[in-house]
Amino acid sequence: MSVYVDEAKYPFGRYVMCHMWADSREELFAMADRIGVQRKWFQCPPKASWEHFDIAKAKRTLAVRYGAIETDKYGPVVHVARLRGDTKKIATIEWLRIKFAGGVFD
């Protein structure tokens, strides 16, 4: 089981936000608690595509320090595709990673 953070940079007021998600809700909440992200900011369907938190850059740094795995911008899409068993989407993302980034993250 793992916790992940992407490299997204979404402005939100004075903050720059990214996504944090995990293989399990238990792990996600444990990391949120550890880095000081309130559970009230948890996002899940039907209002969100998948279970995650939007976190500020400083919280991302803490999450990585405590073991979160860094992913590229495609990380959330691959995560949702895996949950759905969408191997075609995963293959497409891997192709895009190679084409545009010259490498593969996971």
N, C-alpha and C. Protein backbone atom coordinates (compact mmCIF):
# COMPACT_ATOMS: atom_id res chain seq x y z
N MET A 1 0.84 -1.18 0.00
CA MET A 1 0.00 0.00 0.00
C MET A 1 0.88 1.24 0.00
N SER A 2 0.39 2.31 -0.63
CA SER A 2 1.20 3.52 -0.77
C SER A 2 0.34 4.77 -0.81
N VAL A 3 0.99 5.90 -0.53
CA VAL A 3 0.40 7.23 -0.66
C VAL A 3 1.16 7.92 -1.79
N TYR A 4 0.45 8.70 -2.59
CA TYR A 4 1.04 9.35 -3.76
C TYR A 4 0.75 10.85 -3.75
N VAL A 5 1.66 11.61 -4.34
CA VAL A 5 1.44 13.04 -4.59
C VAL A 5 1.88 13.33 -6.02
N ASP A 6 1.10 14.15 -6.71
CA ASP A 6 1.47 14.49 -8.09
C ASP A 6 2.21 15.82 -8.14
N GLU A 7 2.59 16.20 -9.34
CA GLU A 7 3.34 17.44 -9.52
C GLU A 7 2.45 18.59 -9.99
N ALA A 8 1.14 18.42 -9.87
CA ALA A 8 0.20 19.47 -10.29
C ALA A 8 0.48 20.76 -9.52
N LYS A 9 0.16 21.86 -10.14
CA LYS A 9 0.34 23.18 -9.53
C LYS A 9 -0.89 24.02 -9.83
N TYR A 10 -1.93 23.82 -9.02
CA TYR A 10 -3.18 24.55 -9.19
C TYR A 10 -3.25 25.70 -8.21
N PRO A 11 -3.38 26.93 -8.71
CA PRO A 11 -3.50 28.06 -7.78
C PRO A 11 -4.83 28.02 -7.03
N PHE A 12 -4.75 28.29 -5.73
CA PHE A 12 -5.94 28.36 -4.89
C PHE A 12 -5.67 29.46 -3.86
N GLY A 13 -6.15 30.66 -4.17
CA GLY A 13 -5.83 31.80 -3.30
C GLY A 13 -4.33 32.03 -3.29
N ARG A 14 -3.75 32.07 -2.12
CA ARG A 14 -2.30 32.29 -2.01
C ARG A 14 -1.50 30.98 -2.05
N TYR A 15 -2.20 29.86 -2.20
CA TYR A 15 -1.55 28.55 -2.21
C TYR A 15 -1.42 27.99 -3.60
N VAL A 16 -0.49 27.06 -3.74
CA VAL A 16 -0.36 26.26 -4.95
C VAL A 16 -0.64 24.83 -4.51
N MET A 17 -1.63 24.22 -5.13
CA MET A 17 -2.12 22.92 -4.68
C MET A 17 -1.73 21.79 -5.63
N CYS A 18 -1.67 20.60 -5.06
CA CYS A 18 -1.50 19.37 -5.84
C CYS A 18 -2.43 18.33 -5.24
N HIS A 19 -2.36 17.09 -5.72
CA HIS A 19 -3.23 16.02 -5.25
C HIS A 19 -2.45 15.02 -4.41
N MET A 20 -3.11 14.49 -3.40
CA MET A 20 -2.57 13.38 -2.60
C MET A 20 -3.65 12.30 -2.54
N TRP A 21 -3.29 11.06 -2.86
CA TRP A 21 -4.21 9.94 -2.83
C TRP A 21 -3.45 8.71 -2.37
N ALA A 22 -4.15 7.62 -2.17
CA ALA A 22 -3.50 6.41 -1.67
C ALA A 22 -4.20 5.16 -2.18
N ASP A 23 -3.56 4.04 -1.93
CA ASP A 23 -4.16 2.75 -2.30
C ASP A 23 -5.34 2.41 -1.41
N SER A 24 -5.37 2.99 -0.20
CA SER A 24 -6.51 2.75 0.69
C SER A 24 -6.88 4.05 1.40
N ARG A 25 -8.15 4.16 1.76
CA ARG A 25 -8.62 5.34 2.49
C ARG A 25 -7.91 5.43 3.84
N GLU A 26 -7.70 4.30 4.48
CA GLU A 26 -7.02 4.28 5.78
C GLU A 26 -5.63 4.91 5.68
N GLU A 27 -4.88 4.53 4.66
CA GLU A 27 -3.55 5.09 4.46
C GLU A 27 -3.61 6.59 4.13
N LEU A 28 -4.57 6.96 3.31
CA LEU A 28 -4.72 8.37 2.94
C LEU A 28 -5.01 9.21 4.18
N PHE A 29 -5.94 8.76 5.01
CA PHE A 29 -6.27 9.51 6.23
C PHE A 29 -5.10 9.54 7.21
N ALA A 30 -4.36 8.45 7.30
CA ALA A 30 -3.20 8.41 8.19
C ALA A 30 -2.18 9.46 7.77
N MET A 31 -1.94 9.57 6.45
CA MET A 31 -0.97 10.57 5.98
C MET A 31 -1.52 11.98 6.18
N ALA A 32 -2.79 12.18 5.89
CA ALA A 32 -3.40 13.50 6.09
C ALA A 32 -3.25 13.93 7.55
N ASP A 33 -3.53 13.01 8.47
CA ASP A 33 -3.38 13.32 9.89
C ASP A 33 -1.93 13.65 10.22
N ARG A 34 -1.02 12.88 9.67
CA ARG A 34 0.41 13.07 9.98
C ARG A 34 0.93 14.42 9.50
N ILE A 35 0.47 14.88 8.33
CA ILE A 35 0.98 16.14 7.78
C ILE A 35 0.11 17.34 8.12
N GLY A 36 -0.96 17.11 8.87
CA GLY A 36 -1.80 18.21 9.33
C GLY A 36 -2.84 18.71 8.34
N VAL A 37 -3.36 17.81 7.52
CA VAL A 37 -4.44 18.16 6.59
C VAL A 37 -5.75 17.68 7.22
N GLN A 38 -6.67 18.60 7.38
CA GLN A 38 -7.95 18.25 8.01
C GLN A 38 -8.77 17.32 7.11
N ARG A 39 -9.38 16.34 7.74
CA ARG A 39 -10.18 15.37 7.00
C ARG A 39 -11.38 16.00 6.31
N LYS A 40 -11.80 17.17 6.76
CA LYS A 40 -12.95 17.81 6.10
C LYS A 40 -12.63 18.19 4.65
N TRP A 41 -11.36 18.20 4.27
CA TRP A 41 -10.96 18.53 2.90
C TRP A 41 -10.90 17.31 1.99
N PHE A 42 -11.25 16.16 2.53
CA PHE A 42 -11.29 14.92 1.76
C PHE A 42 -12.29 15.06 0.62
N GLN A 43 -11.90 14.62 -0.57
CA GLN A 43 -12.77 14.67 -1.74
C GLN A 43 -13.01 13.26 -2.26
N CYS A 44 -14.26 12.99 -2.60
CA CYS A 44 -14.58 11.65 -3.10
C CYS A 44 -15.80 11.75 -4.03
N PRO A 45 -16.03 10.66 -4.80
CA PRO A 45 -17.22 10.65 -5.64
C PRO A 45 -18.48 10.82 -4.80
N PRO A 46 -19.51 11.44 -5.30
CA PRO A 46 -19.70 11.83 -6.70
C PRO A 46 -19.15 13.21 -7.04
N LYS A 47 -18.66 13.96 -6.06
CA LYS A 47 -18.18 15.32 -6.34
C LYS A 47 -16.77 15.33 -6.94
N ALA A 48 -16.02 14.26 -6.76
CA ALA A 48 -14.66 14.15 -7.31
C ALA A 48 -14.55 12.84 -8.08
N SER A 49 -13.55 12.74 -8.94
CA SER A 49 -13.37 11.53 -9.74
C SER A 49 -12.84 10.35 -8.93
N TRP A 50 -12.10 10.67 -7.88
CA TRP A 50 -11.51 9.62 -7.06
C TRP A 50 -11.26 10.19 -5.67
N GLU A 51 -10.93 9.32 -4.71
CA GLU A 51 -10.70 9.75 -3.34
C GLU A 51 -9.31 10.38 -3.21
N HIS A 52 -9.29 11.64 -2.77
CA HIS A 52 -8.02 12.35 -2.65
C HIS A 52 -8.18 13.60 -1.80
N PHE A 53 -7.05 14.23 -1.54
CA PHE A 53 -7.00 15.56 -0.95
C PHE A 53 -6.27 16.48 -1.92
N ASP A 54 -6.68 17.73 -1.98
CA ASP A 54 -5.86 18.76 -2.61
C ASP A 54 -5.03 19.32 -1.46
N ILE A 55 -3.71 19.32 -1.65
CA ILE A 55 -2.83 19.80 -0.58
C ILE A 55 -1.88 20.87 -1.09
N ALA A 56 -1.46 21.75 -0.20
CA ALA A 56 -0.53 22.83 -0.54
C ALA A 56 0.89 22.28 -0.68
N LYS A 57 1.72 23.04 -1.35
CA LYS A 57 3.10 22.63 -1.63
C LYS A 57 3.86 22.24 -0.35
N ALA A 58 3.68 23.00 0.73
CA ALA A 58 4.38 22.70 1.98
C ALA A 58 3.93 21.34 2.53
N LYS A 59 2.65 21.03 2.41
CA LYS A 59 2.14 19.73 2.87
C LYS A 59 2.65 18.61 1.97
N ARG A 60 2.82 18.91 0.68
CA ARG A 60 3.38 17.92 -0.25
C ARG A 60 4.79 17.55 0.19
N THR A 61 5.58 18.56 0.53
CA THR A 61 6.95 18.33 0.99
C THR A 61 6.95 17.41 2.22
N LEU A 62 6.05 17.68 3.15
CA LEU A 62 5.95 16.82 4.34
C LEU A 62 5.54 15.40 3.97
N ALA A 63 4.57 15.27 3.08
CA ALA A 63 4.11 13.94 2.68
C ALA A 63 5.26 13.13 2.07
N VAL A 64 6.05 13.77 1.23
CA VAL A 64 7.21 13.09 0.62
C VAL A 64 8.21 12.70 1.70
N ARG A 65 8.44 13.60 2.64
CA ARG A 65 9.36 13.31 3.74
C ARG A 65 8.91 12.07 4.51
N TYR A 66 7.58 11.89 4.64
CA TYR A 66 7.04 10.76 5.38
C TYR A 66 6.73 9.55 4.51
N GLY A 67 7.21 9.56 3.27
CA GLY A 67 7.13 8.37 2.44
C GLY A 67 6.20 8.39 1.25
N ALA A 68 5.51 9.49 1.00
CA ALA A 68 4.64 9.54 -0.18
C ALA A 68 5.48 9.42 -1.46
N ILE A 69 4.92 8.78 -2.44
CA ILE A 69 5.60 8.57 -3.72
C ILE A 69 5.22 9.69 -4.67
N GLU A 70 6.23 10.33 -5.25
CA GLU A 70 5.99 11.40 -6.21
C GLU A 70 5.63 10.82 -7.57
N THR A 71 4.62 11.40 -8.19
CA THR A 71 4.23 10.99 -9.54
C THR A 71 4.17 12.22 -10.44
N ASP A 72 4.08 11.97 -11.71
CA ASP A 72 3.91 13.06 -12.66
C ASP A 72 2.43 13.45 -12.72
N LYS A 73 2.11 14.30 -13.65
CA LYS A 73 0.72 14.80 -13.76
C LYS A 73 -0.27 13.70 -14.14
N TYR A 74 0.23 12.61 -14.67
CA TYR A 74 -0.65 11.52 -15.08
C TYR A 74 -0.96 10.54 -13.95
N GLY A 75 -0.30 10.67 -12.82
CA GLY A 75 -0.47 9.75 -11.71
C GLY A 75 -1.92 9.50 -11.31
N PRO A 76 -2.71 10.57 -11.11
CA PRO A 76 -4.11 10.35 -10.74
C PRO A 76 -4.91 9.60 -11.81
N VAL A 77 -4.63 9.88 -13.07
CA VAL A 77 -5.36 9.23 -14.16
C VAL A 77 -5.05 7.73 -14.18
N VAL A 78 -3.78 7.40 -13.98
CA VAL A 78 -3.38 5.99 -13.95
C VAL A 78 -4.02 5.30 -12.75
N HIS A 79 -4.03 5.98 -11.61
CA HIS A 79 -4.63 5.41 -10.40
C HIS A 79 -6.10 5.05 -10.64
N VAL A 80 -6.86 5.98 -11.18
CA VAL A 80 -8.29 5.74 -11.44
C VAL A 80 -8.45 4.63 -12.49
N ALA A 81 -7.61 4.64 -13.51
CA ALA A 81 -7.68 3.61 -14.55
C ALA A 81 -7.41 2.23 -13.95
N ARG A 82 -6.46 2.14 -13.03
CA ARG A 82 -6.19 0.85 -12.38
C ARG A 82 -7.39 0.40 -11.56
N LEU A 83 -8.00 1.32 -10.83
CA LEU A 83 -9.17 0.98 -10.04
C LEU A 83 -10.29 0.43 -10.92
N ARG A 84 -10.39 0.96 -12.12
CA ARG A 84 -11.46 0.57 -13.05
C ARG A 84 -11.06 -0.59 -13.97
N GLY A 85 -9.79 -1.00 -13.89
CA GLY A 85 -9.32 -2.06 -14.78
C GLY A 85 -9.21 -1.63 -16.22
N ASP A 86 -8.97 -0.34 -16.45
CA ASP A 86 -8.91 0.22 -17.81
C ASP A 86 -7.48 0.16 -18.34
N THR A 87 -7.11 -1.01 -18.85
CA THR A 87 -5.74 -1.20 -19.34
C THR A 87 -5.44 -0.36 -20.58
N LYS A 88 -6.46 -0.07 -21.37
CA LYS A 88 -6.25 0.77 -22.56
C LYS A 88 -5.83 2.19 -22.14
N LYS A 89 -6.49 2.73 -21.11
CA LYS A 89 -6.14 4.07 -20.61
C LYS A 89 -4.71 4.06 -20.06
N ILE A 90 -4.35 3.03 -19.32
CA ILE A 90 -3.01 2.93 -18.76
C ILE A 90 -1.97 2.90 -19.87
N ALA A 91 -2.22 2.13 -20.91
CA ALA A 91 -1.29 2.06 -22.04
C ALA A 91 -1.16 3.41 -22.73
N THR A 92 -2.26 4.11 -22.88
CA THR A 92 -2.23 5.44 -23.50
C THR A 92 -1.39 6.40 -22.68
N ILE A 93 -1.55 6.37 -21.36
CA ILE A 93 -0.78 7.26 -20.48
C ILE A 93 0.70 6.92 -20.56
N GLU A 94 1.04 5.65 -20.57
CA GLU A 94 2.45 5.27 -20.68
C GLU A 94 3.05 5.78 -21.99
N TRP A 95 2.28 5.72 -23.06
CA TRP A 95 2.74 6.24 -24.34
C TRP A 95 2.96 7.75 -24.26
N LEU A 96 2.01 8.47 -23.63
CA LEU A 96 2.15 9.92 -23.48
C LEU A 96 3.37 10.29 -22.64
N ARG A 97 3.59 9.53 -21.58
CA ARG A 97 4.76 9.79 -20.73
C ARG A 97 6.05 9.68 -21.53
N ILE A 98 6.14 8.65 -22.32
CA ILE A 98 7.35 8.45 -23.12
C ILE A 98 7.48 9.54 -24.17
N LYS A 99 6.40 9.85 -24.83
CA LYS A 99 6.42 10.86 -25.90
C LYS A 99 6.79 12.25 -25.40
N PHE A 100 6.15 12.67 -24.28
CA PHE A 100 6.33 14.05 -23.83
C PHE A 100 7.36 14.26 -22.73
N ALA A 101 7.66 13.22 -21.98
CA ALA A 101 8.58 13.40 -20.86
C ALA A 101 9.89 12.65 -21.06
N GLY A 102 9.91 11.78 -22.01
CA GLY A 102 11.13 11.02 -22.24
C GLY A 102 11.40 9.98 -21.17
N GLY A 103 10.40 9.65 -20.38
CA GLY A 103 10.57 8.65 -19.33
C GLY A 103 9.25 8.23 -18.76
N VAL A 104 9.30 7.27 -17.86
CA VAL A 104 8.08 6.72 -17.28
C VAL A 104 8.16 6.84 -15.76
N PHE A 105 7.09 7.35 -15.17
CA PHE A 105 6.93 7.38 -13.71
C PHE A 105 5.82 6.41 -13.37
N ASP A 106 5.76 6.02 -12.14
CA ASP A 106 4.62 5.21 -11.71
C ASP A 106 4.25 5.50 -10.30
